[in-house]
N, C-alpha and C. Protein backbone atom coordinates (compact mmCIF):
# COMPACT_ATOMS: atom_id res chain seq x y z
N MET A 1 17.08 36.32 -20.66
CA MET A 1 16.49 36.75 -21.79
C MET A 1 16.75 35.77 -22.96
N GLU A 2 15.73 35.36 -23.71
CA GLU A 2 15.94 34.32 -24.81
C GLU A 2 16.99 34.94 -25.83
N ARG A 3 18.00 34.14 -26.25
CA ARG A 3 18.99 34.42 -27.18
C ARG A 3 18.56 34.05 -28.65
N TRP A 4 18.90 34.82 -29.56
CA TRP A 4 18.60 34.50 -31.02
C TRP A 4 19.90 33.79 -31.65
N PRO A 5 19.77 32.68 -32.17
CA PRO A 5 20.98 32.03 -32.90
C PRO A 5 21.72 32.98 -33.94
N LEU A 6 21.04 33.75 -34.74
CA LEU A 6 21.58 34.50 -35.77
C LEU A 6 21.82 36.00 -35.38
N ALA A 7 21.48 36.37 -34.14
CA ALA A 7 21.36 37.71 -33.88
C ALA A 7 22.86 38.37 -33.92
N GLN A 8 23.92 37.62 -33.47
CA GLN A 8 25.31 38.26 -33.52
C GLN A 8 25.80 38.39 -34.83
N ASN A 9 25.36 37.78 -35.78
CA ASN A 9 25.99 37.67 -37.15
C ASN A 9 24.97 38.15 -38.31
N THR A 10 23.93 38.93 -37.83
CA THR A 10 22.93 39.21 -38.67
C THR A 10 23.30 40.45 -39.53
N ASP A 11 22.77 40.46 -40.88
CA ASP A 11 23.07 41.78 -41.58
C ASP A 11 21.72 42.33 -42.06
N GLN A 12 20.67 41.71 -41.46
CA GLN A 12 19.41 42.22 -41.91
C GLN A 12 18.30 42.12 -40.74
N TRP A 13 17.60 43.28 -40.43
CA TRP A 13 16.59 43.25 -39.35
C TRP A 13 15.31 43.75 -40.06
N THR A 14 14.14 43.05 -39.90
CA THR A 14 12.98 43.47 -40.54
C THR A 14 11.77 43.12 -39.54
N ALA A 15 10.57 43.73 -39.88
CA ALA A 15 9.41 43.36 -38.99
C ALA A 15 8.31 43.34 -39.94
N ARG A 16 7.39 42.57 -39.77
CA ARG A 16 6.13 42.41 -40.56
C ARG A 16 4.79 42.35 -39.50
N VAL A 17 3.75 42.87 -39.96
CA VAL A 17 2.64 42.79 -39.11
C VAL A 17 1.79 41.48 -39.30
N LEU A 18 1.56 40.78 -38.31
CA LEU A 18 0.86 39.62 -38.39
C LEU A 18 -0.75 39.77 -38.07
N PHE A 19 -0.94 40.66 -37.20
CA PHE A 19 -2.34 41.07 -36.89
C PHE A 19 -2.35 42.33 -36.18
N ALA A 20 -3.45 43.17 -36.34
CA ALA A 20 -3.58 44.54 -35.72
C ALA A 20 -4.98 44.72 -35.49
N VAL A 21 -5.37 45.45 -34.35
CA VAL A 21 -6.74 45.75 -34.08
C VAL A 21 -6.63 47.22 -33.41
N ARG A 22 -7.71 48.04 -33.73
CA ARG A 22 -7.83 49.31 -33.11
C ARG A 22 -9.07 49.42 -32.30
N SER A 23 -8.94 50.00 -31.09
CA SER A 23 -9.96 50.21 -30.27
C SER A 23 -9.89 51.71 -29.67
N GLY A 24 -10.72 52.41 -30.24
CA GLY A 24 -10.72 53.92 -29.83
C GLY A 24 -9.25 54.49 -30.25
N ALA A 25 -8.49 55.07 -29.44
CA ALA A 25 -7.24 55.74 -29.73
C ALA A 25 -6.09 54.73 -29.67
N GLU A 26 -6.36 53.60 -29.18
CA GLU A 26 -5.27 52.54 -28.93
C GLU A 26 -5.30 51.52 -29.99
N THR A 27 -4.09 51.32 -30.49
CA THR A 27 -3.80 50.16 -31.55
C THR A 27 -2.90 49.19 -30.93
N GLU A 28 -3.27 47.81 -31.18
CA GLU A 28 -2.61 46.72 -30.71
C GLU A 28 -2.18 45.97 -32.09
N MET A 29 -0.80 45.62 -32.10
CA MET A 29 -0.22 45.03 -33.10
C MET A 29 0.52 43.82 -32.71
N LEU A 30 0.49 42.73 -33.59
CA LEU A 30 1.35 41.49 -33.28
C LEU A 30 2.32 41.54 -34.49
N LEU A 31 3.58 41.64 -34.07
CA LEU A 31 4.67 41.69 -35.21
C LEU A 31 5.42 40.28 -35.14
N ALA A 32 6.09 40.05 -36.32
CA ALA A 32 7.10 39.06 -36.45
C ALA A 32 8.36 39.77 -36.73
N LEU A 33 9.27 39.76 -35.64
CA LEU A 33 10.56 40.39 -35.72
C LEU A 33 11.53 39.42 -36.37
N ARG A 34 12.28 39.72 -37.37
CA ARG A 34 13.20 38.80 -38.20
C ARG A 34 14.58 39.35 -38.16
N CYS A 35 15.47 38.46 -37.75
CA CYS A 35 16.92 38.80 -38.01
C CYS A 35 17.45 37.79 -39.00
N GLY A 36 18.01 38.18 -39.97
CA GLY A 36 18.59 37.27 -41.09
C GLY A 36 19.95 37.49 -41.46
N SER A 37 20.53 36.52 -42.03
CA SER A 37 21.90 36.54 -42.52
C SER A 37 22.06 35.74 -43.77
N ARG A 38 22.84 36.23 -44.71
CA ARG A 38 23.14 35.52 -46.03
C ARG A 38 24.61 35.14 -45.99
N ARG A 39 24.83 33.75 -46.10
CA ARG A 39 26.16 33.19 -46.21
C ARG A 39 26.77 33.06 -47.50
N GLY A 40 27.89 32.37 -47.43
CA GLY A 40 28.56 32.17 -48.81
C GLY A 40 27.82 31.35 -49.83
N ASP A 41 27.08 30.49 -49.28
CA ASP A 41 26.24 29.57 -50.38
C ASP A 41 25.07 30.51 -50.83
N ARG A 42 24.90 31.81 -50.50
CA ARG A 42 23.94 32.72 -50.96
C ARG A 42 22.45 32.41 -50.37
N LYS A 43 22.47 31.33 -49.54
CA LYS A 43 21.17 30.91 -48.89
C LYS A 43 20.84 31.88 -47.77
N GLU A 44 19.65 32.37 -47.75
CA GLU A 44 19.18 33.45 -46.64
C GLU A 44 18.71 32.66 -45.47
N TRP A 45 19.39 32.83 -44.39
CA TRP A 45 18.94 32.29 -43.16
C TRP A 45 18.23 33.35 -42.23
N TYR A 46 17.10 32.91 -41.67
CA TYR A 46 16.42 33.95 -40.82
C TYR A 46 15.78 33.22 -39.54
N ASP A 47 15.63 34.07 -38.68
CA ASP A 47 14.95 33.53 -37.27
C ASP A 47 14.00 34.63 -36.95
N GLU A 48 12.88 34.25 -36.39
CA GLU A 48 11.72 35.09 -36.05
C GLU A 48 11.19 35.00 -34.68
N ARG A 49 10.70 36.08 -34.13
CA ARG A 49 10.14 36.02 -32.74
C ARG A 49 8.99 37.06 -32.88
N PRO A 50 7.79 36.57 -32.14
CA PRO A 50 6.53 37.54 -32.01
C PRO A 50 6.85 38.59 -30.99
N ALA A 51 6.26 39.74 -31.36
CA ALA A 51 6.23 40.81 -30.34
C ALA A 51 5.01 41.49 -30.47
N VAL A 52 4.50 41.92 -29.25
CA VAL A 52 3.21 42.70 -29.05
C VAL A 52 3.56 44.27 -29.02
N VAL A 53 2.87 45.00 -29.79
CA VAL A 53 3.14 46.46 -29.68
C VAL A 53 1.82 47.14 -29.45
N VAL A 54 1.81 48.07 -28.33
CA VAL A 54 0.64 48.73 -28.09
C VAL A 54 0.96 50.22 -28.17
N LEU A 55 0.05 50.87 -28.97
CA LEU A 55 0.40 52.27 -29.31
C LEU A 55 -0.93 53.15 -28.76
N THR A 56 -0.67 54.21 -28.10
CA THR A 56 -1.69 55.24 -27.60
C THR A 56 -1.17 56.61 -28.10
N PRO A 57 -2.05 57.59 -27.86
CA PRO A 57 -1.66 58.89 -28.28
C PRO A 57 -0.41 59.40 -27.40
N LYS A 58 -0.13 58.74 -26.24
CA LYS A 58 0.71 59.25 -25.35
C LYS A 58 1.97 58.34 -25.05
N SER A 59 1.86 57.13 -25.58
CA SER A 59 2.84 56.14 -25.24
C SER A 59 2.86 54.92 -26.28
N GLY A 60 3.84 54.20 -26.16
CA GLY A 60 4.10 53.06 -26.94
C GLY A 60 4.93 51.95 -26.24
N THR A 61 4.38 50.70 -26.32
CA THR A 61 5.19 49.67 -25.60
C THR A 61 5.33 48.36 -26.50
N VAL A 62 6.60 47.67 -26.28
CA VAL A 62 6.80 46.61 -27.13
C VAL A 62 7.10 45.44 -26.06
N HIS A 63 6.50 44.33 -26.31
CA HIS A 63 6.65 43.09 -25.37
C HIS A 63 7.12 41.98 -26.32
N LEU A 64 8.47 41.64 -26.30
CA LEU A 64 8.90 40.33 -26.87
C LEU A 64 8.54 39.16 -26.35
N VAL A 65 7.84 38.26 -27.14
CA VAL A 65 7.36 37.00 -26.57
C VAL A 65 8.43 35.84 -26.81
N PRO A 66 8.96 35.32 -25.61
CA PRO A 66 9.91 34.25 -25.84
C PRO A 66 9.10 33.02 -26.34
N LEU A 67 9.91 32.19 -27.12
CA LEU A 67 9.42 31.00 -27.66
C LEU A 67 10.18 29.68 -27.11
N ASP A 68 11.20 29.95 -26.38
CA ASP A 68 12.01 28.83 -25.84
C ASP A 68 12.61 29.29 -24.45
N LYS A 69 13.32 28.41 -23.84
CA LYS A 69 13.90 28.73 -22.55
C LYS A 69 15.11 29.47 -22.99
N ASP A 70 15.83 30.20 -21.97
CA ASP A 70 17.06 30.97 -22.19
C ASP A 70 18.12 29.91 -22.31
N CYS A 71 19.00 30.05 -23.30
CA CYS A 71 20.19 29.23 -23.58
C CYS A 71 21.35 29.97 -24.08
N ASN A 72 22.60 29.42 -23.84
CA ASN A 72 23.74 30.01 -24.32
C ASN A 72 24.21 29.51 -25.81
N ASP A 73 23.72 28.35 -26.19
CA ASP A 73 24.05 27.84 -27.50
C ASP A 73 22.90 27.34 -28.33
N CYS A 74 22.05 28.37 -28.43
CA CYS A 74 20.57 28.03 -29.10
C CYS A 74 21.00 27.75 -30.56
N GLU A 75 20.31 26.65 -31.17
CA GLU A 75 20.56 26.26 -32.53
C GLU A 75 19.05 26.38 -33.30
N ARG A 76 17.91 26.52 -32.54
CA ARG A 76 16.60 26.23 -33.29
C ARG A 76 16.23 27.64 -33.87
N LEU A 77 15.79 27.58 -35.10
CA LEU A 77 15.30 28.75 -35.77
C LEU A 77 13.85 28.66 -35.89
N TYR A 78 13.12 29.80 -35.99
CA TYR A 78 11.67 29.87 -36.01
C TYR A 78 11.25 30.68 -37.05
N ARG A 79 10.00 30.27 -37.65
CA ARG A 79 9.15 30.93 -38.66
C ARG A 79 7.89 31.13 -38.14
N ILE A 80 7.26 32.30 -38.19
CA ILE A 80 6.04 32.56 -37.53
C ILE A 80 4.98 32.94 -38.44
N GLU A 81 3.68 32.37 -38.41
CA GLU A 81 2.61 32.89 -39.29
C GLU A 81 1.42 33.05 -38.37
N PHE A 82 0.54 33.98 -38.78
CA PHE A 82 -0.77 34.26 -38.12
C PHE A 82 -1.73 33.12 -38.47
N SER A 83 -2.52 32.54 -37.50
CA SER A 83 -3.49 31.50 -37.76
C SER A 83 -4.98 32.06 -37.67
N LYS A 84 -5.38 32.49 -36.50
CA LYS A 84 -6.62 32.98 -36.23
C LYS A 84 -6.67 33.57 -34.95
N THR A 85 -7.86 34.28 -34.65
CA THR A 85 -8.26 34.68 -33.36
C THR A 85 -9.46 34.15 -32.94
N TYR A 86 -9.58 34.06 -31.54
CA TYR A 86 -10.89 33.66 -30.94
C TYR A 86 -10.99 34.20 -29.59
N SER A 87 -12.18 34.33 -29.16
CA SER A 87 -12.42 34.74 -27.74
C SER A 87 -12.57 33.71 -26.67
N VAL A 88 -12.17 34.00 -25.49
CA VAL A 88 -12.42 33.16 -24.23
C VAL A 88 -12.98 33.99 -23.30
N ALA A 89 -13.45 33.32 -22.16
CA ALA A 89 -14.11 34.14 -21.07
C ALA A 89 -13.01 35.16 -20.55
N GLY A 90 -13.32 36.37 -20.84
CA GLY A 90 -12.48 37.49 -20.33
C GLY A 90 -11.27 37.93 -21.14
N SER A 91 -10.98 37.35 -22.29
CA SER A 91 -9.93 37.72 -23.17
C SER A 91 -10.13 37.46 -24.64
N GLN A 92 -9.26 38.05 -25.26
CA GLN A 92 -9.14 37.89 -26.87
C GLN A 92 -7.77 37.31 -27.13
N LEU A 93 -7.80 36.22 -27.83
CA LEU A 93 -6.54 35.37 -28.09
C LEU A 93 -6.26 35.42 -29.57
N VAL A 94 -4.88 35.27 -29.86
CA VAL A 94 -4.39 35.18 -31.13
C VAL A 94 -3.70 33.91 -31.24
N GLU A 95 -3.90 32.97 -32.23
CA GLU A 95 -3.28 31.70 -32.42
C GLU A 95 -2.19 31.84 -33.54
N LEU A 96 -1.05 31.35 -33.35
CA LEU A 96 0.12 31.42 -34.27
C LEU A 96 0.64 29.96 -34.73
N GLN A 97 0.83 29.77 -35.93
CA GLN A 97 1.61 28.66 -36.38
C GLN A 97 3.25 29.04 -36.26
N VAL A 98 3.93 28.22 -35.39
CA VAL A 98 5.30 28.46 -35.29
C VAL A 98 6.17 27.36 -35.82
N ARG A 99 6.71 27.47 -36.93
CA ARG A 99 7.67 26.39 -37.42
C ARG A 99 9.09 26.56 -36.86
N TYR A 100 9.54 25.29 -36.38
CA TYR A 100 10.81 25.34 -35.95
C TYR A 100 11.75 24.37 -36.53
N SER A 101 13.06 24.65 -36.59
CA SER A 101 13.93 23.73 -37.19
C SER A 101 15.41 24.01 -36.75
N ASP A 102 16.15 22.96 -36.51
CA ASP A 102 17.55 23.02 -36.20
C ASP A 102 18.43 23.09 -37.40
N ASP A 103 18.00 23.41 -38.64
CA ASP A 103 18.65 23.68 -39.98
C ASP A 103 19.29 25.07 -39.73
N ASN A 104 20.49 25.08 -39.31
CA ASN A 104 21.24 26.32 -38.93
C ASN A 104 22.51 26.34 -39.43
N PRO A 105 22.96 27.47 -40.08
CA PRO A 105 24.39 27.46 -40.62
C PRO A 105 25.54 27.31 -39.63
N CYS A 106 25.19 27.44 -38.43
CA CYS A 106 26.19 27.26 -37.38
C CYS A 106 26.42 25.77 -36.87
N CYS A 107 25.54 25.03 -37.48
CA CYS A 107 25.55 23.56 -36.87
C CYS A 107 25.38 22.62 -38.01
N ASP A 108 26.16 21.64 -37.97
CA ASP A 108 26.02 20.53 -39.02
C ASP A 108 26.12 19.22 -38.49
N GLY A 109 25.36 18.90 -37.50
CA GLY A 109 25.33 17.72 -36.87
C GLY A 109 24.53 16.75 -37.71
N THR A 110 24.58 15.43 -37.38
CA THR A 110 23.87 14.44 -38.12
C THR A 110 22.42 14.30 -37.67
N ASP A 111 22.05 14.63 -36.48
CA ASP A 111 20.68 14.64 -35.97
C ASP A 111 19.97 15.86 -36.46
N HIS A 112 18.60 15.71 -36.78
CA HIS A 112 17.83 16.68 -37.31
C HIS A 112 16.47 16.78 -36.51
N ARG A 113 15.96 17.97 -36.34
CA ARG A 113 14.72 18.03 -35.67
C ARG A 113 13.98 19.27 -36.39
N GLU A 114 12.63 19.09 -36.65
CA GLU A 114 11.94 20.12 -37.02
C GLU A 114 10.49 19.89 -36.69
N GLY A 115 9.65 20.94 -36.82
CA GLY A 115 8.23 20.73 -36.45
C GLY A 115 7.39 21.98 -36.45
N ASN A 116 6.12 21.92 -35.99
CA ASN A 116 5.32 23.02 -35.96
C ASN A 116 4.60 23.08 -34.61
N ARG A 117 4.65 24.18 -33.97
CA ARG A 117 3.87 24.32 -32.79
C ARG A 117 2.76 25.32 -32.89
N LEU A 118 1.58 25.04 -32.19
CA LEU A 118 0.52 25.95 -32.05
C LEU A 118 0.82 26.81 -30.80
N VAL A 119 0.85 28.21 -30.87
CA VAL A 119 1.20 28.95 -29.79
C VAL A 119 0.17 30.10 -29.75
N VAL A 120 -0.51 30.08 -28.54
CA VAL A 120 -1.75 30.95 -28.33
C VAL A 120 -1.19 32.11 -27.49
N LEU A 121 -1.51 33.44 -27.82
CA LEU A 121 -1.10 34.52 -27.17
C LEU A 121 -2.33 35.36 -26.57
N SER A 122 -2.17 35.92 -25.57
CA SER A 122 -3.33 36.99 -25.19
C SER A 122 -2.91 38.26 -25.53
N LEU A 123 -3.95 39.11 -25.85
CA LEU A 123 -3.83 40.45 -26.07
C LEU A 123 -4.52 41.44 -25.08
N PRO A 124 -3.92 42.51 -24.74
CA PRO A 124 -2.66 43.14 -25.23
C PRO A 124 -1.39 42.80 -24.35
N ALA A 125 -1.62 41.78 -23.45
CA ALA A 125 -0.41 41.51 -22.43
C ALA A 125 0.72 40.76 -23.37
N GLY A 126 0.34 40.02 -24.49
CA GLY A 126 1.38 39.28 -25.09
C GLY A 126 1.90 38.01 -24.43
N ASP A 127 1.21 37.41 -23.47
CA ASP A 127 1.45 36.23 -22.69
C ASP A 127 1.19 35.04 -23.50
N ALA A 128 1.99 34.02 -23.47
CA ALA A 128 1.85 32.84 -24.18
C ALA A 128 0.95 31.86 -23.30
N VAL A 129 -0.31 31.81 -23.48
CA VAL A 129 -1.22 30.94 -22.71
C VAL A 129 -1.41 29.55 -23.04
N LEU A 130 -0.77 29.11 -24.12
CA LEU A 130 -0.71 27.76 -24.53
C LEU A 130 0.28 27.58 -25.73
N SER A 131 0.99 26.35 -25.59
CA SER A 131 2.08 25.96 -26.58
C SER A 131 1.86 24.52 -26.70
N VAL A 132 1.57 23.97 -27.89
CA VAL A 132 1.47 22.59 -28.09
C VAL A 132 2.22 22.23 -29.38
N VAL A 133 2.73 20.91 -29.49
CA VAL A 133 3.35 20.52 -30.72
C VAL A 133 2.25 19.98 -31.69
N GLN A 134 2.18 20.48 -32.78
CA GLN A 134 1.20 19.91 -33.89
C GLN A 134 1.74 18.97 -34.69
N SER A 135 3.00 19.11 -34.99
CA SER A 135 3.78 18.11 -35.83
C SER A 135 5.22 18.25 -35.51
N SER A 136 5.91 17.06 -35.73
CA SER A 136 7.30 16.97 -35.41
C SER A 136 8.03 15.80 -36.29
N ASP A 137 9.29 16.16 -36.60
CA ASP A 137 9.92 15.12 -37.46
C ASP A 137 11.42 15.17 -36.92
N GLU A 138 11.73 13.93 -36.45
CA GLU A 138 13.16 13.91 -35.79
C GLU A 138 13.96 12.66 -36.51
N ASN A 139 15.14 13.04 -36.92
CA ASN A 139 16.09 12.06 -37.38
C ASN A 139 17.27 11.98 -36.60
N SER A 140 17.58 10.76 -36.03
CA SER A 140 18.52 10.54 -35.24
C SER A 140 19.62 9.42 -35.52
N VAL A 141 20.85 9.78 -35.61
CA VAL A 141 21.92 8.74 -36.16
C VAL A 141 22.61 8.13 -34.90
N ASP A 142 22.73 6.92 -34.87
CA ASP A 142 23.52 6.22 -33.94
C ASP A 142 24.83 5.90 -34.53
N ASP A 143 25.89 6.67 -34.02
CA ASP A 143 27.21 6.51 -34.52
C ASP A 143 27.81 5.08 -34.46
N GLU A 144 27.52 4.43 -33.31
CA GLU A 144 28.01 3.09 -33.09
C GLU A 144 27.53 2.16 -34.03
N SER A 145 26.21 2.11 -34.16
CA SER A 145 25.60 0.97 -35.01
C SER A 145 25.32 1.58 -36.47
N GLU A 146 25.68 2.87 -36.66
CA GLU A 146 25.50 3.44 -37.93
C GLU A 146 24.16 3.29 -38.64
N THR A 147 23.07 3.45 -37.76
CA THR A 147 21.69 3.37 -38.18
C THR A 147 20.92 4.57 -37.96
N ASP A 148 20.04 4.83 -38.76
CA ASP A 148 19.19 6.00 -38.72
C ASP A 148 17.78 5.74 -38.13
N THR A 149 17.30 6.42 -37.24
CA THR A 149 15.90 6.37 -36.80
C THR A 149 15.14 7.58 -37.03
N GLU A 150 13.94 7.46 -37.56
CA GLU A 150 13.16 8.66 -37.79
C GLU A 150 11.79 8.47 -37.19
N TRP A 151 11.59 9.55 -36.44
CA TRP A 151 10.27 9.73 -35.70
C TRP A 151 9.52 10.82 -36.38
N ALA A 152 8.19 10.64 -36.56
CA ALA A 152 7.26 11.58 -37.18
C ALA A 152 5.97 11.58 -36.35
N CYS A 153 5.62 12.77 -35.83
CA CYS A 153 4.30 12.80 -35.06
C CYS A 153 3.39 13.86 -35.68
N ALA A 154 2.20 13.69 -35.56
CA ALA A 154 1.12 14.62 -36.03
C ALA A 154 0.00 14.63 -35.00
N ALA A 155 -0.62 15.78 -34.71
CA ALA A 155 -1.67 15.86 -33.71
C ALA A 155 -2.83 16.46 -34.55
N LYS A 156 -4.05 15.92 -34.17
CA LYS A 156 -5.28 16.59 -34.60
C LYS A 156 -5.75 17.46 -33.41
N ILE A 157 -6.20 18.79 -33.69
CA ILE A 157 -6.64 19.77 -32.88
C ILE A 157 -8.14 19.93 -32.96
N ASN A 158 -8.68 19.90 -31.79
CA ASN A 158 -10.32 20.12 -31.77
C ASN A 158 -10.52 21.28 -30.72
N TYR A 159 -11.52 22.10 -30.98
CA TYR A 159 -11.92 23.19 -30.10
C TYR A 159 -13.41 22.97 -29.52
N SER A 160 -13.53 23.16 -28.28
CA SER A 160 -14.82 23.12 -27.65
C SER A 160 -15.31 24.44 -27.25
N HIS A 161 -16.52 24.79 -27.51
CA HIS A 161 -17.12 26.18 -27.23
C HIS A 161 -18.25 26.12 -26.22
N ASP A 162 -18.30 27.30 -25.47
CA ASP A 162 -19.38 27.22 -24.51
C ASP A 162 -20.56 27.98 -25.30
N ALA A 163 -21.72 28.11 -24.43
CA ALA A 163 -22.91 28.58 -25.02
C ALA A 163 -22.77 29.95 -25.69
N ALA A 164 -21.93 30.73 -25.32
CA ALA A 164 -21.58 32.00 -25.76
C ALA A 164 -20.73 32.13 -26.93
N GLY A 165 -20.25 30.99 -27.31
CA GLY A 165 -19.31 30.89 -28.59
C GLY A 165 -17.84 31.09 -28.14
N ASN A 166 -17.47 31.18 -26.87
CA ASN A 166 -16.16 31.27 -26.42
C ASN A 166 -15.50 29.82 -26.51
N VAL A 167 -14.25 29.80 -26.77
CA VAL A 167 -13.43 28.62 -26.74
C VAL A 167 -13.22 28.38 -25.28
N GLU A 168 -13.61 27.03 -24.83
CA GLU A 168 -13.38 26.81 -23.43
C GLU A 168 -12.34 25.47 -23.20
N ARG A 169 -12.31 24.78 -24.38
CA ARG A 169 -11.19 23.68 -24.25
C ARG A 169 -10.50 23.44 -25.64
N ILE A 170 -9.29 23.08 -25.62
CA ILE A 170 -8.54 22.58 -26.73
C ILE A 170 -8.01 21.14 -26.54
N GLY A 171 -8.37 20.34 -27.43
CA GLY A 171 -7.86 19.02 -27.18
C GLY A 171 -6.93 18.60 -28.41
N THR A 172 -5.99 17.83 -28.09
CA THR A 172 -5.05 17.32 -29.12
C THR A 172 -5.03 15.74 -29.01
N GLU A 173 -4.86 15.14 -30.18
CA GLU A 173 -4.72 13.64 -30.28
C GLU A 173 -3.63 13.34 -31.25
N THR A 174 -2.43 12.86 -30.62
CA THR A 174 -1.26 12.62 -31.31
C THR A 174 -0.89 11.30 -31.72
N ARG A 175 -0.59 11.03 -32.89
CA ARG A 175 -0.10 9.77 -33.45
C ARG A 175 1.20 9.92 -34.01
N CYS A 176 2.05 8.74 -33.87
CA CYS A 176 3.41 8.82 -34.34
C CYS A 176 3.79 7.64 -35.12
N THR A 177 4.86 7.73 -36.02
CA THR A 177 5.31 6.65 -36.73
C THR A 177 6.88 6.60 -36.37
N LYS A 178 7.38 5.45 -36.45
CA LYS A 178 8.91 5.18 -36.34
C LYS A 178 9.33 4.47 -37.43
N ASP A 179 10.16 5.13 -38.28
CA ASP A 179 10.65 4.60 -39.46
C ASP A 179 9.56 4.15 -40.43
N ASN A 180 8.50 5.12 -40.43
CA ASN A 180 7.32 5.00 -41.29
C ASN A 180 6.37 3.89 -40.85
N LYS A 181 6.58 3.29 -39.63
CA LYS A 181 5.59 2.29 -39.07
C LYS A 181 4.80 2.92 -37.95
N PRO A 182 3.52 2.96 -38.14
CA PRO A 182 2.68 3.41 -37.22
C PRO A 182 2.92 2.90 -35.68
N GLN A 183 2.92 3.74 -34.73
CA GLN A 183 3.01 3.17 -33.28
C GLN A 183 1.69 3.14 -32.63
N PRO A 184 1.59 2.08 -31.77
CA PRO A 184 0.16 1.85 -31.33
C PRO A 184 -0.27 2.90 -30.28
N ASP A 185 0.54 3.57 -29.55
CA ASP A 185 0.12 4.54 -28.50
C ASP A 185 -0.35 5.83 -29.21
N VAL A 186 -1.58 6.36 -28.60
CA VAL A 186 -2.14 7.57 -28.98
C VAL A 186 -2.02 8.48 -27.80
N LYS A 187 -1.53 9.65 -27.94
CA LYS A 187 -1.32 10.56 -26.90
C LYS A 187 -2.51 11.61 -26.82
N LYS A 188 -3.26 11.67 -25.91
CA LYS A 188 -4.47 12.66 -25.87
C LYS A 188 -4.33 13.62 -24.74
N GLN A 189 -4.49 14.86 -25.00
CA GLN A 189 -4.37 15.95 -24.10
C GLN A 189 -5.53 16.92 -24.24
N THR A 190 -6.06 17.36 -23.07
CA THR A 190 -7.09 18.48 -23.06
C THR A 190 -6.71 19.57 -22.24
N PHE A 191 -6.81 20.76 -22.80
CA PHE A 191 -6.52 22.04 -22.06
C PHE A 191 -7.69 22.83 -21.99
N GLN A 192 -7.96 23.24 -20.88
CA GLN A 192 -9.13 24.03 -20.43
C GLN A 192 -8.84 25.45 -19.94
N TRP A 193 -9.65 26.44 -20.46
CA TRP A 193 -9.18 27.82 -20.23
C TRP A 193 -9.66 28.17 -18.69
N ASN A 194 -8.72 28.75 -18.08
CA ASN A 194 -8.91 29.19 -16.68
C ASN A 194 -8.98 30.76 -16.70
N SER A 195 -10.30 31.27 -16.42
CA SER A 195 -10.30 32.71 -16.44
C SER A 195 -9.72 33.43 -15.29
N VAL A 196 -9.35 32.68 -14.21
CA VAL A 196 -8.57 33.28 -13.05
C VAL A 196 -7.19 33.40 -13.46
N SER A 197 -6.44 32.28 -13.84
CA SER A 197 -5.01 32.45 -14.22
C SER A 197 -4.84 32.94 -15.52
N GLN A 198 -5.95 33.06 -16.40
CA GLN A 198 -5.80 33.63 -17.73
C GLN A 198 -4.92 32.89 -18.56
N ARG A 199 -4.98 31.50 -18.59
CA ARG A 199 -4.35 30.57 -19.45
C ARG A 199 -4.90 29.26 -19.55
N PHE A 200 -4.58 28.48 -20.64
CA PHE A 200 -5.04 27.19 -20.71
C PHE A 200 -4.36 26.28 -19.84
N GLU A 201 -4.92 25.40 -19.03
CA GLU A 201 -4.36 24.42 -18.17
C GLU A 201 -4.76 23.01 -18.61
N GLN A 202 -3.78 22.14 -18.45
CA GLN A 202 -3.98 20.68 -18.89
C GLN A 202 -4.83 20.00 -17.90
N LEU A 203 -5.80 19.38 -18.34
CA LEU A 203 -6.62 18.53 -17.47
C LEU A 203 -6.00 17.19 -17.29
N GLN A 204 -5.95 16.52 -16.24
CA GLN A 204 -5.41 15.29 -16.01
C GLN A 204 -6.36 14.17 -16.31
N ALA A 205 -5.82 13.14 -17.13
CA ALA A 205 -6.71 12.05 -17.53
C ALA A 205 -7.30 11.34 -16.30
N PRO A 206 -8.41 10.75 -16.30
CA PRO A 206 -8.84 10.10 -15.10
C PRO A 206 -8.07 8.70 -14.93
N SER A 207 -7.58 8.37 -13.82
CA SER A 207 -6.89 7.20 -13.70
C SER A 207 -7.70 5.92 -13.69
N ALA A 208 -7.21 4.91 -14.26
CA ALA A 208 -7.85 3.62 -14.48
C ALA A 208 -8.09 3.07 -13.08
N GLN A 209 -9.27 2.52 -12.84
CA GLN A 209 -9.54 1.89 -11.64
C GLN A 209 -9.49 0.40 -11.74
N ALA A 210 -9.11 -0.18 -10.66
CA ALA A 210 -8.95 -1.75 -10.69
C ALA A 210 -10.33 -2.38 -10.64
N PRO A 211 -10.64 -3.38 -11.40
CA PRO A 211 -11.99 -4.01 -11.37
C PRO A 211 -12.35 -4.47 -10.03
N THR A 212 -13.65 -4.38 -9.52
CA THR A 212 -14.08 -4.77 -8.39
C THR A 212 -14.54 -6.21 -8.48
N LYS A 213 -14.27 -6.88 -7.40
CA LYS A 213 -14.55 -8.35 -7.28
C LYS A 213 -15.89 -8.67 -6.68
């Protein structure tokens, strides 16, 4: 199970509704569960995770959606915001903007990482069907040379639709800078919806062929 960096020392638990839809007697809700802590500097620290709640007249279920791999020394904190919904063949999806940062009261290292991820969930299962980095900022300090290096990347996101208006592909085009200098490489990725596996799967770029003589 994914561990929350602030969960052991929290003094505040809250939940807010990001999205809700009702179908007949069933209600589906997407929540942001937050654990928070206020330290001596009076700054409020908090960490959030998405959860899908399904309510019927006879039952209720809660599914916590992990945002990272299981770890014993997690440092990354998350902030979640609702972005939009759209349909794909056979499913309804919810898109989230997930802000992450290692700005954590437990850790005071010289390196720093933060960014924003686009996370797409299916309802009512609450499965993460796509997760891509939309922007990132990383500052790394070399103790031996006493030099700082800053990497910043940003991705343009585009959506392709089929004749019925369903999203069938999501493409990303990422450009980076190193110490504010643009880097020549552009990373392009395309993810196509697979109605069998019920998730977006990355398409492999065609390999370059050697010229014929």
